[in-house]
PDB file of N, CA and C in Angstrom:
ATOM      1  N   MET A   1      69.017 128.445  98.924  1.00  0.00           N
ATOM      2  CA  MET A   1      68.508 127.263  98.276  1.00  0.00           C
ATOM      3  C   MET A   1      67.670 126.486  99.291  1.00  0.00           C
ATOM      4  N   ILE A   2      66.529 126.030  98.852  1.00  0.00           N
ATOM      5  CA  ILE A   2      65.670 125.170  99.667  1.00  0.00           C
ATOM      6  C   ILE A   2      65.779 123.770  99.092  1.00  0.00           C
ATOM      7  N   ARG A   3      66.294 122.844  99.885  1.00  0.00           N
ATOM      8  CA  ARG A   3      66.445 121.457  99.427  1.00  0.00           C
ATOM      9  C   ARG A   3      65.187 120.682  99.791  1.00  0.00           C
ATOM     10  N   THR A   4      64.647 119.986  98.820  1.00  0.00           N
ATOM     11  CA  THR A   4      63.451 119.177  99.039  1.00  0.00           C
ATOM     12  C   THR A   4      63.849 117.739  99.369  1.00  0.00           C
ATOM     13  N   GLY A   5      62.892 116.960  99.858  1.00  0.00           N
ATOM     14  CA  GLY A   5      63.132 115.547 100.110  1.00  0.00           C
ATOM     15  C   GLY A   5      63.046 114.734  98.833  1.00  0.00           C
ATOM     16  N   ILE A   6      62.203 115.159  97.899  1.00  0.00           N
ATOM     17  CA  ILE A   6      62.052 114.436  96.637  1.00  0.00           C
ATOM     18  C   ILE A   6      63.166 114.815  95.674  1.00  0.00           C
ATOM     19  N   GLN A   7      63.422 113.922  94.727  1.00  0.00           N
ATOM     20  CA  GLN A   7      64.428 114.212  93.710  1.00  0.00           C
ATOM     21  C   GLN A   7      63.819 115.061  92.604  1.00  0.00           C
ATOM     22  N   SER A   8      62.597 114.713  92.178  1.00  0.00           N
ATOM     23  CA  SER A   8      61.971 115.423  91.078  1.00  0.00           C
ATOM     24  C   SER A   8      60.461 115.382  91.247  1.00  0.00           C
ATOM     25  N   GLY A   9      59.821 116.488  90.966  1.00  0.00           N
ATOM     26  CA  GLY A   9      58.377 116.587  91.083  1.00  0.00           C
ATOM     27  C   GLY A   9      57.994 117.931  91.656  1.00  0.00           C
ATOM     28  N   ARG A  10      56.731 118.097  91.878  1.00  0.00           N
ATOM     29  CA  ARG A  10      56.224 119.378  92.371  1.00  0.00           C
ATOM     30  C   ARG A  10      56.034 119.358  93.890  1.00  0.00           C
ATOM     31  N   VAL A  11      56.213 120.522  94.479  1.00  0.00           N
ATOM     32  CA  VAL A  11      55.952 120.727  95.898  1.00  0.00           C
ATOM     33  C   VAL A  11      55.032 121.941  96.026  1.00  0.00           C
ATOM     34  N   ILE A  12      54.394 122.066  97.164  1.00  0.00           N
ATOM     35  CA  ILE A  12      53.535 123.210  97.443  1.00  0.00           C
ATOM     36  C   ILE A  12      54.365 124.249  98.192  1.00  0.00           C
ATOM     37  N   VAL A  13      54.369 125.479  97.697  1.00  0.00           N
ATOM     38  CA  VAL A  13      55.109 126.568  98.334  1.00  0.00           C
ATOM     39  C   VAL A  13      54.154 127.716  98.595  1.00  0.00           C
ATOM     40  N   THR A  14      54.119 128.170  99.848  1.00  0.00           N
ATOM     41  CA  THR A  14      53.365 129.363 100.221  1.00  0.00           C
ATOM     42  C   THR A  14      54.385 130.436 100.586  1.00  0.00           C
ATOM     43  N   LEU A  15      54.264 131.599  99.970  1.00  0.00           N
ATOM     44  CA  LEU A  15      55.196 132.694 100.203  1.00  0.00           C
ATOM     45  C   LEU A  15      54.462 133.836 100.882  1.00  0.00           C
ATOM     46  N   GLU A  16      55.023 134.312 102.000  1.00  0.00           N
ATOM     47  CA  GLU A  16      54.446 135.444 102.717  1.00  0.00           C
ATOM     48  C   GLU A  16      55.501 136.529 102.868  1.00  0.00           C
ATOM     49  N   THR A  17      55.258 137.682 102.291  1.00  0.00           N
ATOM     50  CA  THR A  17      56.109 138.843 102.521  1.00  0.00           C
ATOM     51  C   THR A  17      55.401 139.686 103.576  1.00  0.00           C
ATOM     52  N   LEU A  18      56.081 139.915 104.697  1.00  0.00           N
ATOM     53  CA  LEU A  18      55.470 140.543 105.863  1.00  0.00           C
ATOM     54  C   LEU A  18      56.144 141.871 106.188  1.00  0.00           C
ATOM     55  N   ASN A  19      55.427 142.722 106.922  1.00  0.00           N
ATOM     56  CA  ASN A  19      55.985 144.008 107.351  1.00  0.00           C
ATOM     57  C   ASN A  19      56.746 143.905 108.662  1.00  0.00           C
ATOM     58  N   SER A  20      56.484 142.847 109.438  1.00  0.00           N
ATOM     59  CA  SER A  20      57.166 142.642 110.715  1.00  0.00           C
ATOM     60  C   SER A  20      57.242 141.148 111.001  1.00  0.00           C
ATOM     61  N   ALA A  21      57.986 140.807 112.051  1.00  0.00           N
ATOM     62  CA  ALA A  21      58.191 139.399 112.395  1.00  0.00           C
ATOM     63  C   ALA A  21      56.865 138.704 112.702  1.00  0.00           C
ATOM     64  N   PRO A  22      56.660 137.489 112.159  1.00  0.00           N
ATOM     65  CA  PRO A  22      55.448 136.726 112.476  1.00  0.00           C
ATOM     66  C   PRO A  22      55.574 136.083 113.851  1.00  0.00           C
ATOM     67  N   ASP A  23      54.482 135.506 114.314  1.00  0.00           N
ATOM     68  CA  ASP A  23      54.533 134.726 115.547  1.00  0.00           C
ATOM     69  C   ASP A  23      55.550 133.614 115.382  1.00  0.00           C
ATOM     70  N   VAL A  24      56.236 133.243 116.432  1.00  0.00           N
ATOM     71  CA  VAL A  24      57.285 132.231 116.377  1.00  0.00           C
ATOM     72  C   VAL A  24      56.709 130.826 116.289  1.00  0.00           C
ATOM     73  N   ASP A  25      55.432 130.628 116.568  1.00  0.00           N
ATOM     74  CA  ASP A  25      54.834 129.293 116.582  1.00  0.00           C
ATOM     75  C   ASP A  25      54.940 128.616 115.221  1.00  0.00           C
ATOM     76  N   THR A  26      55.744 127.573 115.150  1.00  0.00           N
ATOM     77  CA  THR A  26      55.877 126.776 113.924  1.00  0.00           C
ATOM     78  C   THR A  26      55.474 125.328 114.211  1.00  0.00           C
ATOM     79  N   SER A  27      54.607 125.129 115.202  1.00  0.00           N
ATOM     80  CA  SER A  27      54.258 123.776 115.653  1.00  0.00           C
ATOM     81  C   SER A  27      53.551 122.938 114.591  1.00  0.00           C
ATOM     82  N   GLU A  28      52.939 123.560 113.602  1.00  0.00           N
ATOM     83  CA  GLU A  28      52.277 122.768 112.561  1.00  0.00           C
ATOM     84  C   GLU A  28      53.242 122.346 111.460  1.00  0.00           C
ATOM     85  N   TRP A  29      54.519 122.664 111.604  1.00  0.00           N
ATOM     86  CA  TRP A  29      55.542 122.310 110.613  1.00  0.00           C
ATOM     87  C   TRP A  29      56.528 121.327 111.223  1.00  0.00           C
ATOM     88  N   GLU A  30      57.036 120.386 110.424  1.00  0.00           N
ATOM     89  CA  GLU A  30      57.985 119.387 110.910  1.00  0.00           C
ATOM     90  C   GLU A  30      59.346 120.001 111.212  1.00  0.00           C
ATOM     91  N   ALA A  31      59.736 120.999 110.444  1.00  0.00           N
ATOM     92  CA  ALA A  31      61.032 121.643 110.647  1.00  0.00           C
ATOM     93  C   ALA A  31      60.967 123.068 110.129  1.00  0.00           C
ATOM     94  N   SER A  32      61.799 123.931 110.707  1.00  0.00           N
ATOM     95  CA  SER A  32      61.893 125.299 110.200  1.00  0.00           C
ATOM     96  C   SER A  32      63.292 125.829 110.447  1.00  0.00           C
ATOM     97  N   ALA A  33      63.683 126.801 109.646  1.00  0.00           N
ATOM     98  CA  ALA A  33      64.989 127.435 109.797  1.00  0.00           C
ATOM     99  C   ALA A  33      64.844 128.915 109.471  1.00  0.00           C
ATOM    100  N   ASP A  34      65.565 129.758 110.217  1.00  0.00           N
ATOM    101  CA  ASP A  34      65.586 131.197 109.995  1.00  0.00           C
ATOM    102  C   ASP A  34      67.002 131.633 109.659  1.00  0.00           C
ATOM    103  N   ILE A  35      67.129 132.601 108.758  1.00  0.00           N
ATOM    104  CA  ILE A  35      68.433 133.192 108.463  1.00  0.00           C
ATOM    105  C   ILE A  35      68.278 134.702 108.285  1.00  0.00           C
ATOM    106  N   ASP A  36      69.383 135.427 108.502  1.00  0.00           N
ATOM    107  CA  ASP A  36      69.477 136.848 108.190  1.00  0.00           C
ATOM    108  C   ASP A  36      70.062 136.984 106.797  1.00  0.00           C
ATOM    109  N   PHE A  37      69.663 138.020 106.080  1.00  0.00           N
ATOM    110  CA  PHE A  37      70.376 138.320 104.850  1.00  0.00           C
ATOM    111  C   PHE A  37      70.173 139.782 104.468  1.00  0.00           C
ATOM    112  N   GLU A  38      71.130 140.281 103.727  1.00  0.00           N
ATOM    113  CA  GLU A  38      71.088 141.639 103.202  1.00  0.00           C
ATOM    114  C   GLU A  38      70.623 141.565 101.758  1.00  0.00           C
ATOM    115  N   SER A  39      69.608 142.334 101.439  1.00  0.00           N
ATOM    116  CA  SER A  39      69.088 142.348 100.076  1.00  0.00           C
ATOM    117  C   SER A  39      69.501 143.628  99.368  1.00  0.00           C
ATOM    118  N   SER A  40      69.857 143.481  98.115  1.00  0.00           N
ATOM    119  CA  SER A  40      70.144 144.653  97.287  1.00  0.00           C
ATOM    120  C   SER A  40      68.846 145.270  96.791  1.00  0.00           C
ATOM    121  N   GLY A  41      67.727 144.632  97.120  1.00  0.00           N
ATOM    122  CA  GLY A  41      66.424 145.135  96.725  1.00  0.00           C
ATOM    123  C   GLY A  41      65.738 144.296  95.676  1.00  0.00           C
ATOM    124  N   ASN A  42      66.400 143.257  95.193  1.00  0.00           N
ATOM    125  CA  ASN A  42      65.780 142.431  94.148  1.00  0.00           C
ATOM    126  C   ASN A  42      65.945 140.937  94.416  1.00  0.00           C
ATOM    127  N   ALA A  43      65.775 140.502  95.661  1.00  0.00           N
ATOM    128  CA  ALA A  43      65.832 139.073  95.977  1.00  0.00           C
ATOM    129  C   ALA A  43      64.574 138.398  95.430  1.00  0.00           C
ATOM    130  N   THR A  44      64.744 137.227  94.809  1.00  0.00           N
ATOM    131  CA  THR A  44      63.647 136.545  94.131  1.00  0.00           C
ATOM    132  C   THR A  44      63.694 135.049  94.411  1.00  0.00           C
ATOM    133  N   LEU A  45      62.528 134.435  94.606  1.00  0.00           N
ATOM    134  CA  LEU A  45      62.405 132.990  94.737  1.00  0.00           C
ATOM    135  C   LEU A  45      62.154 132.427  93.344  1.00  0.00           C
ATOM    136  N   LEU A  46      63.037 131.526  92.900  1.00  0.00           N
ATOM    137  CA  LEU A  46      62.959 130.951  91.551  1.00  0.00           C
ATOM    138  C   LEU A  46      62.793 129.445  91.615  1.00  0.00           C
ATOM    139  N   THR A  47      62.248 128.858  90.568  1.00  0.00           N
ATOM    140  CA  THR A  47      62.174 127.409  90.460  1.00  0.00           C
ATOM    141  C   THR A  47      63.506 126.855  89.963  1.00  0.00           C
ATOM    142  N   TRP A  48      63.813 125.628  90.351  1.00  0.00           N
ATOM    143  CA  TRP A  48      65.018 124.951  89.890  1.00  0.00           C
ATOM    144  C   TRP A  48      64.724 124.097  88.667  1.00  0.00           C
ATOM    145  N   GLU A  49      63.492 123.629  88.542  1.00  0.00           N
ATOM    146  CA  GLU A  49      63.100 122.730  87.456  1.00  0.00           C
ATOM    147  C   GLU A  49      63.172 123.434  86.111  1.00  0.00           C
ATOM    148  N   HIS A  50      63.767 122.768  85.152  1.00  0.00           N
ATOM    149  CA  HIS A  50      63.913 123.363  83.829  1.00  0.00           C
ATOM    150  C   HIS A  50      62.709 123.081  82.927  1.00  0.00           C
ATOM    151  N   ASP A  51      61.888 122.075  83.264  1.00  0.00           N
ATOM    152  CA  ASP A  51      60.757 121.738  82.406  1.00  0.00           C
ATOM    153  C   ASP A  51      59.453 122.377  82.857  1.00  0.00           C
ATOM    154  N   ILE A  52      59.494 123.125  83.952  1.00  0.00           N
ATOM    155  CA  ILE A  52      58.313 123.831  84.445  1.00  0.00           C
ATOM    156  C   ILE A  52      58.345 125.242  83.862  1.00  0.00           C
ATOM    157  N   PRO A  53      57.191 125.770  83.440  1.00  0.00           N
ATOM    158  CA  PRO A  53      57.194 127.148  82.937  1.00  0.00           C
ATOM    159  C   PRO A  53      57.871 128.086  83.948  1.00  0.00           C
ATOM    160  N   ASP A  54      58.681 128.987  83.428  1.00  0.00           N
ATOM    161  CA  ASP A  54      59.473 129.875  84.275  1.00  0.00           C
ATOM    162  C   ASP A  54      58.574 130.706  85.183  1.00  0.00           C
ATOM    163  N   TRP A  55      58.834 130.658  86.460  1.00  0.00           N
ATOM    164  CA  TRP A  55      58.135 131.509  87.405  1.00  0.00           C
ATOM    165  C   TRP A  55      59.098 132.013  88.448  1.00  0.00           C
ATOM    166  N   SER A  56      58.800 133.168  88.970  1.00  0.00           N
ATOM    167  CA  SER A  56      59.597 133.736  90.046  1.00  0.00           C
ATOM    168  C   SER A  56      58.693 134.630  90.888  1.00  0.00           C
ATOM    169  N   PHE A  57      59.048 134.754  92.160  1.00  0.00           N
ATOM    170  CA  PHE A  57      58.304 135.604  93.074  1.00  0.00           C
ATOM    171  C   PHE A  57      59.280 136.540  93.764  1.00  0.00           C
ATOM    172  N   PRO A  58      59.039 137.859  93.664  1.00  0.00           N
ATOM    173  CA  PRO A  58      59.940 138.787  94.345  1.00  0.00           C
ATOM    174  C   PRO A  58      59.814 138.653  95.860  1.00  0.00           C
ATOM    175  N   LEU A  59      60.948 138.548  96.535  1.00  0.00           N
ATOM    176  CA  LEU A  59      60.973 138.506  97.994  1.00  0.00           C
ATOM    177  C   LEU A  59      61.152 139.908  98.572  1.00  0.00           C
ATOM    178  N   THR A  60      62.014 140.703  97.937  1.00  0.00           N
ATOM    179  CA  THR A  60      62.256 142.065  98.405  1.00  0.00           C
ATOM    180  C   THR A  60      62.321 143.008  97.214  1.00  0.00           C
ATOM    181  N   THR A  61      61.883 144.229  97.434  1.00  0.00           N
ATOM    182  CA  THR A  61      62.011 145.274  96.422  1.00  0.00           C
ATOM    183  C   THR A  61      62.749 146.480  96.986  1.00  0.00           C
ATOM    184  N   THR A  62      63.083 146.435  98.267  1.00  0.00           N
ATOM    185  CA  THR A  62      63.785 147.519  98.936  1.00  0.00           C
ATOM    186  C   THR A  62      65.079 146.989  99.531  1.00  0.00           C
ATOM    187  N   PRO A  63      66.215 147.639  99.284  1.00  0.00           N
ATOM    188  CA  PRO A  63      67.470 147.189  99.899  1.00  0.00           C
ATOM    189  C   PRO A  63      67.376 147.251 101.428  1.00  0.00           C
ATOM    190  N   GLY A  64      68.085 146.325 102.096  1.00  0.00           N
ATOM    191  CA  GLY A  64      68.123 146.357 103.552  1.00  0.00           C
ATOM    192  C   GLY A  64      68.305 144.990 104.169  1.00  0.00           C
ATOM    193  N   SER A  65      68.163 144.953 105.498  1.00  0.00           N
ATOM    194  CA  SER A  65      68.313 143.722 106.278  1.00  0.00           C
ATOM    195  C   SER A  65      66.966 143.030 106.410  1.00  0.00           C
ATOM    196  N   TYR A  66      66.996 141.706 106.203  1.00  0.00           N
ATOM    197  CA  TYR A  66      65.773 140.906 106.261  1.00  0.00           C
ATOM    198  C   TYR A  66      66.017 139.641 107.052  1.00  0.00           C
ATOM    199  N   ARG A  67      64.932 139.066 107.522  1.00  0.00           N
ATOM    200  CA  ARG A  67      64.933 137.742 108.144  1.00  0.00           C
ATOM    201  C   ARG A  67      64.087 136.849 107.247  1.00  0.00           C
ATOM    202  N   LEU A  68      64.579 135.653 106.967  1.00  0.00           N
ATOM    203  CA  LEU A  68      63.883 134.699 106.109  1.00  0.00           C
ATOM    204  C   LEU A  68      63.649 133.419 106.898  1.00  0.00           C
ATOM    205  N   ARG A  69      62.421 132.932 106.880  1.00  0.00           N
ATOM    206  CA  ARG A  69      62.075 131.662 107.539  1.00  0.00           C
ATOM    207  C   ARG A  69      61.529 130.709 106.485  1.00  0.00           C
ATOM    208  N   VAL A  70      61.997 129.469 106.537  1.00  0.00           N
ATOM    209  CA  VAL A  70      61.446 128.402 105.702  1.00  0.00           C
ATOM    210  C   VAL A  70      60.995 127.287 106.629  1.00  0.00           C
ATOM    211  N   ALA A  71      59.733 126.879 106.503  1.00  0.00           N
ATOM    212  CA  ALA A  71      59.192 125.767 107.273  1.00  0.00           C
ATOM    213  C   ALA A  71      58.777 124.679 106.295  1.00  0.00           C
ATOM    214  N   ALA A  72      58.898 123.414 106.721  1.00  0.00           N
ATOM    215  CA  ALA A  72      58.647 122.299 105.800  1.00  0.00           C
ATOM    216  C   ALA A  72      57.840 121.190 106.453  1.00  0.00           C
ATOM    217  N   ASN A  73      57.033 120.545 105.631  1.00  0.00           N
ATOM    218  CA  ASN A  73      56.304 119.329 105.993  1.00  0.00           C
ATOM    219  C   ASN A  73      56.441 118.315 104.870  1.00  0.00           C
ATOM    220  N   GLY A  74      56.532 117.035 105.206  1.00  0.00           N
ATOM    221  CA  GLY A  74      56.461 115.958 104.231  1.00  0.00           C
ATOM    222  C   GLY A  74      57.739 115.624 103.488  1.00  0.00           C
ATOM    223  N   ARG A  75      58.885 116.132 103.930  1.00  0.00           N
ATOM    224  CA  ARG A  75      60.123 115.882 103.188  1.00  0.00           C
ATOM    225  C   ARG A  75      60.528 114.417 103.181  1.00  0.00           C
ATOM    226  N   GLY A  76      60.086 113.626 104.130  1.00  0.00           N
ATOM    227  CA  GLY A  76      60.449 112.206 104.175  1.00  0.00           C
ATOM    228  C   GLY A  76      59.432 111.283 103.537  1.00  0.00           C
ATOM    229  N   VAL A  77      58.281 111.804 103.115  1.00  0.00           N
ATOM    230  CA  VAL A  77      57.189 110.972 102.605  1.00  0.00           C
ATOM    231  C   VAL A  77      57.574 110.220 101.338  1.00  0.00           C
ATOM    232  N   ALA A  78      58.184 110.899 100.373  1.00  0.00           N
ATOM    233  CA  ALA A  78      58.495 110.266  99.084  1.00  0.00           C
ATOM    234  C   ALA A  78      59.983 110.321  98.771  1.00  0.00           C
ATOM    235  N   ARG A  79      60.797 110.326  99.798  1.00  0.00           N
ATOM    236  CA  ARG A  79      62.247 110.481  99.635  1.00  0.00           C
ATOM    237  C   ARG A  79      62.860 109.420  98.717  1.00  0.00           C
ATOM    238  N   ASP A  80      62.341 108.208  98.722  1.00  0.00           N
ATOM    239  CA  ASP A  80      62.928 107.129  97.925  1.00  0.00           C
ATOM    240  C   ASP A  80      62.421 107.083  96.482  1.00  0.00           C
ATOM    241  N   LEU A  81      61.449 107.909  96.131  1.00  0.00           N
ATOM    242  CA  LEU A  81      60.916 107.925  94.773  1.00  0.00           C
ATOM    243  C   LEU A  81      61.732 108.867  93.901  1.00  0.00           C
ATOM    244  N   VAL A  82      61.950 108.487  92.657  1.00  0.00           N
ATOM    245  CA  VAL A  82      62.690 109.350  91.734  1.00  0.00           C
ATOM    246  C   VAL A  82      61.815 110.507  91.285  1.00  0.00           C
ATOM    247  N   ILE A  83      60.563 110.223  90.924  1.00  0.00           N
ATOM    248  CA  ILE A  83      59.632 111.255  90.476  1.00  0.00           C
ATOM    249  C   ILE A  83      58.310 111.058  91.214  1.00  0.00           C
ATOM    250  N   VAL A  84      57.719 112.155  91.700  1.00  0.00           N
ATOM    251  CA  VAL A  84      56.392 112.085  92.311  1.00  0.00           C
ATOM    252  C   VAL A  84      55.400 112.797  91.398  1.00  0.00           C
ATOM    253  N   ASP A  85      54.212 112.220  91.268  1.00  0.00           N
ATOM    254  CA  ASP A  85      53.183 112.798  90.403  1.00  0.00           C
ATOM    255  C   ASP A  85      52.351 113.857  91.116  1.00  0.00           C
ATOM    256  N   GLU A  86      52.101 113.649  92.391  1.00  0.00           N
ATOM    257  CA  GLU A  86      51.314 114.587  93.194  1.00  0.00           C
ATOM    258  C   GLU A  86      52.201 115.129  94.315  1.00  0.00           C
ATOM    259  N   PRO A  87      52.052 116.404  94.672  1.00  0.00           N
ATOM    260  CA  PRO A  87      52.889 116.975  95.741  1.00  0.00           C
ATOM    261  C   PRO A  87      52.733 116.230  97.064  1.00  0.00           C
ATOM    262  N   THR A  88      53.855 115.910  97.688  1.00  0.00           N
ATOM    263  CA  THR A  88      53.864 115.280  99.013  1.00  0.00           C
ATOM    264  C   THR A  88      54.532 116.194 100.038  1.00  0.00           C
ATOM    265  N   GLU A  89      55.118 117.281  99.576  1.00  0.00           N
ATOM    266  CA  GLU A  89      55.827 118.211 100.459  1.00  0.00           C
ATOM    267  C   GLU A  89      55.199 119.593 100.383  1.00  0.00           C
ATOM    268  N   ALA A  90      55.239 120.304 101.515  1.00  0.00           N
ATOM    269  CA  ALA A  90      54.745 121.674 101.570  1.00  0.00           C
ATOM    270  C   ALA A  90      55.783 122.541 102.274  1.00  0.00           C
ATOM    271  N   TYR A  91      55.930 123.759 101.789  1.00  0.00           N
ATOM    272  CA  TYR A  91      56.890 124.713 102.343  1.00  0.00           C
ATOM    273  C   TYR A  91      56.210 126.049 102.566  1.00  0.00           C
ATOM    274  N   LEU A  92      56.570 126.691 103.661  1.00  0.00           N
ATOM    275  CA  LEU A  92      56.152 128.055 103.958  1.00  0.00           C
ATOM    276  C   LEU A  92      57.409 128.907 103.968  1.00  0.00           C
ATOM    277  N   VAL A  93      57.446 129.926 103.115  1.00  0.00           N
ATOM    278  CA  VAL A  93      58.566 130.856 103.059  1.00  0.00           C
ATOM    279  C   VAL A  93      58.039 132.201 103.536  1.00  0.00           C
ATOM    280  N   GLN A  94      58.629 132.722 104.618  1.00  0.00           N
ATOM    281  CA  GLN A  94      58.239 134.016 105.159  1.00  0.00           C
ATOM    282  C   GLN A  94      59.452 134.935 105.153  1.00  0.00           C
ATOM    283  N   ILE A  95      59.234 136.198 104.817  1.00  0.00           N
ATOM    284  CA  ILE A  95      60.319 137.171 104.827  1.00  0.00           C
ATOM    285  C   ILE A  95      59.796 138.488 105.386  1.00  0.00           C
ATOM    286  N   TRP A  96      60.635 139.140 106.197  1.00  0.00           N
ATOM    287  CA  TRP A  96      60.251 140.430 106.771  1.00  0.00           C
ATOM    288  C   TRP A  96      61.513 141.245 107.020  1.00  0.00           C
ATOM    289  N   PRO A  97      61.372 142.591 107.000  1.00  0.00           N
ATOM    290  CA  PRO A  97      62.529 143.431 107.294  1.00  0.00           C
ATOM    291  C   PRO A  97      62.882 143.324 108.777  1.00  0.00           C
ATOM    292  N   GLN A  98      64.174 143.174 109.049  1.00  0.00           N
ATOM    293  CA  GLN A  98      64.609 143.064 110.446  1.00  0.00           C
ATOM    294  C   GLN A  98      66.118 143.181 110.517  1.00  0.00           C
ATOM    295  N   ALA A  99      66.598 143.861 111.533  1.00  0.00           N
ATOM    296  CA  ALA A  99      68.035 143.956 111.747  1.00  0.00           C
ATOM    297  C   ALA A  99      68.606 142.577 112.012  1.00  0.00           C
ATOM    298  N   GLU A 100      69.883 142.404 111.743  1.00  0.00           N
ATOM    299  CA  GLU A 100      70.539 141.103 111.912  1.00  0.00           C
ATOM    300  C   GLU A 100      70.316 140.546 113.308  1.00  0.00           C
ATOM    301  N   GLN A 101      69.964 139.256 113.369  1.00  0.00           N
ATOM    302  CA  GLN A 101      69.667 138.588 114.640  1.00  0.00           C
ATOM    303  C   GLN A 101      70.779 137.680 115.119  1.00  0.00           C
ATOM    304  N   GLY A 102      71.743 137.396 114.284  1.00  0.00           N
ATOM    305  CA  GLY A 102      72.824 136.520 114.702  1.00  0.00           C
ATOM    306  C   GLY A 102      72.921 135.298 113.826  1.00  0.00           C
ATOM    307  N   PRO A 103      73.571 134.251 114.334  1.00  0.00           N
ATOM    308  CA  PRO A 103      73.831 133.065 113.514  1.00  0.00           C
ATOM    309  C   PRO A 103      72.557 132.338 113.118  1.00  0.00           C
ATOM    310  N   PHE A 104      72.727 131.468 112.150  1.00  0.00           N
ATOM    311  CA  PHE A 104      71.663 130.613 111.633  1.00  0.00           C
ATOM    312  C   PHE A 104      70.968 129.904 112.779  1.00  0.00           C
ATOM    313  N   ARG A 105      69.620 129.856 112.708  1.00  0.00           N
ATOM    314  CA  ARG A 105      68.835 129.156 113.726  1.00  0.00           C
ATOM    315  C   ARG A 105      67.971 128.129 113.023  1.00  0.00           C
ATOM    316  N   SER A 106      68.093 126.892 113.420  1.00  0.00           N
ATOM    317  CA  SER A 106      67.278 125.833 112.863  1.00  0.00           C
ATOM    318  C   SER A 106      66.492 125.182 113.990  1.00  0.00           C
ATOM    319  N   VAL A 107      65.234 124.886 113.741  1.00  0.00           N
ATOM    320  CA  VAL A 107      64.388 124.310 114.772  1.00  0.00           C
ATOM    321  C   VAL A 107      63.709 123.072 114.214  1.00  0.00           C
ATOM    322  N   LEU A 108      63.859 121.946 114.882  1.00  0.00           N
ATOM    323  CA  LEU A 108      63.111 120.743 114.533  1.00  0.00           C
ATOM    324  C   LEU A 108      61.916 120.720 115.476  1.00  0.00           C
ATOM    325  N   VAL A 109      60.727 120.831 114.912  1.00  0.00           N
ATOM    326  CA  VAL A 109      59.539 120.926 115.722  1.00  0.00           C
ATOM    327  C   VAL A 109      59.048 119.562 116.161  1.00  0.00           C
ATOM    328  N   ARG A 110      58.980 118.633 115.245  1.00  0.00           N
ATOM    329  CA  ARG A 110      58.588 117.265 115.587  1.00  0.00           C
ATOM    330  C   ARG A 110      59.211 116.314 114.577  1.00  0.00           C
ATOM    331  N   SER A 111      59.479 115.133 114.985  1.00  0.00           N
ATOM    332  CA  SER A 111      60.055 114.165 114.047  1.00  0.00           C
ATOM    333  C   SER A 111      58.935 113.358 113.431  1.00  0.00           C
ATOM    334  N   GLY A 112      59.206 112.808 112.271  1.00  0.00           N
ATOM    335  CA  GLY A 112      58.171 112.017 111.643  1.00  0.00           C
ATOM    336  C   GLY A 112      58.592 111.550 110.369  1.00  0.00           C
TER     337      GLY A 112
END
């Protein structure tokens, strides 16, 4: 689950399915976190909103070990608003095949 800063509204999500680990540089993002997970071959990114037309993006189609990174910007911009009309948050979701790396790793790149 990816928790947003806003309660309700749209966010920008970029999804990258990669063949190998990306560069570690996440300096253009306010925060990022990496996790290991085992996929049965059908991991999918889904929307939580019930009033948005149903969409999903396949993350994996092959069973195995993967690394997932989520990077975020703008989570504090509209935190106090109940509904936002225009996106104030952006997320980068990256996934690649990789053997287990160990415990959860979270990185705060810059505060703001």
